[in-house]
Protein backbone atom coordinates (compact mmCIF):
# COMPACT_ATOMS: atom_id res chain seq x y z
CA MET A 1 77.82 -201.30 95.45
CA ASN A 2 78.53 -203.16 91.90
CA PHE A 3 81.77 -202.81 90.28
CA THR A 4 83.36 -204.03 87.56
CA VAL A 5 86.80 -204.46 86.13
CA VAL A 6 87.35 -204.90 82.23
CA ASN A 7 91.19 -205.71 82.41
CA LYS A 8 92.42 -205.76 77.87
CA GLU A 9 95.92 -205.74 76.01
CA ILE A 10 97.53 -202.41 76.63
CA HIS A 11 100.48 -201.24 73.41
CA VAL A 12 103.02 -198.81 75.44
CA GLY A 13 104.43 -197.35 72.58
CA ASN A 14 107.46 -194.84 74.06
CA ILE A 15 107.14 -193.41 77.33
CA GLU A 16 110.07 -190.04 78.35
CA ILE A 17 110.10 -188.43 81.80
CA VAL A 18 111.22 -185.80 82.79
CA GLY A 19 111.59 -185.64 86.18
CA VAL A 20 110.82 -188.05 89.53
CA SER A 21 109.77 -185.80 92.74
CA THR A 22 110.75 -187.89 96.60
CA SER A 23 108.26 -189.85 96.74
CA SER A 24 107.03 -191.30 92.99
CA VAL A 25 105.01 -193.63 91.19
CA PHE A 26 104.96 -194.90 87.68
CA ILE A 27 102.70 -197.20 86.73
CA ILE A 28 101.70 -199.28 83.54
CA GLY A 29 98.45 -201.61 83.71
CA ASP A 30 97.14 -202.30 86.90
CA ALA A 31 98.53 -203.91 90.44
CA LYS A 32 96.78 -205.93 92.32
CA THR A 33 98.76 -204.15 95.11
CA ILE A 34 100.97 -201.87 95.87
CA SER A 35 103.64 -201.40 99.14
CA MET A 36 104.76 -198.31 100.00
CA ALA A 37 109.05 -197.71 101.69
CA SER A 38 111.07 -195.44 102.58
CA ALA A 39 115.03 -196.04 104.13
CA PHE A 40 117.57 -193.53 104.75
CA ASP A 41 121.13 -194.22 104.98
CA THR A 42 122.01 -190.75 105.82
CA PRO A 43 121.99 -190.18 110.08
CA PRO A 44 119.82 -187.47 111.57
CA GLU A 45 121.70 -185.21 113.47
CA SER A 46 122.94 -184.66 109.51
CA LEU A 47 119.27 -183.47 108.67
CA ILE A 48 118.88 -179.56 108.57
CA ILE A 49 115.71 -179.10 107.83
CA GLY A 50 114.22 -175.17 107.77
CA PRO A 51 113.81 -172.39 105.91
CA TYR A 52 115.57 -173.00 102.53
CA VAL A 53 117.91 -170.18 100.66
CA PRO A 54 117.16 -169.68 97.40
CA LEU A 55 120.16 -170.26 94.86
CA ALA A 56 121.27 -166.76 93.65
CA PRO A 57 122.57 -166.89 89.49
CA GLN A 58 126.30 -165.46 89.08
CA GLY A 59 126.38 -162.59 87.02
């Protein structure tokens, strides 16, 4: 398989980001390498994983 990439000039006028998730990548242009890393500053015993309780609106 032959794969040809032609990089040309790019111009970005305006970007508006409303929100991000816990695992997000935002790239304009190209990237040769993307490395992912993760770090927690919370002790494991304080992390609660279980059913989520939805917050009810106060009425």
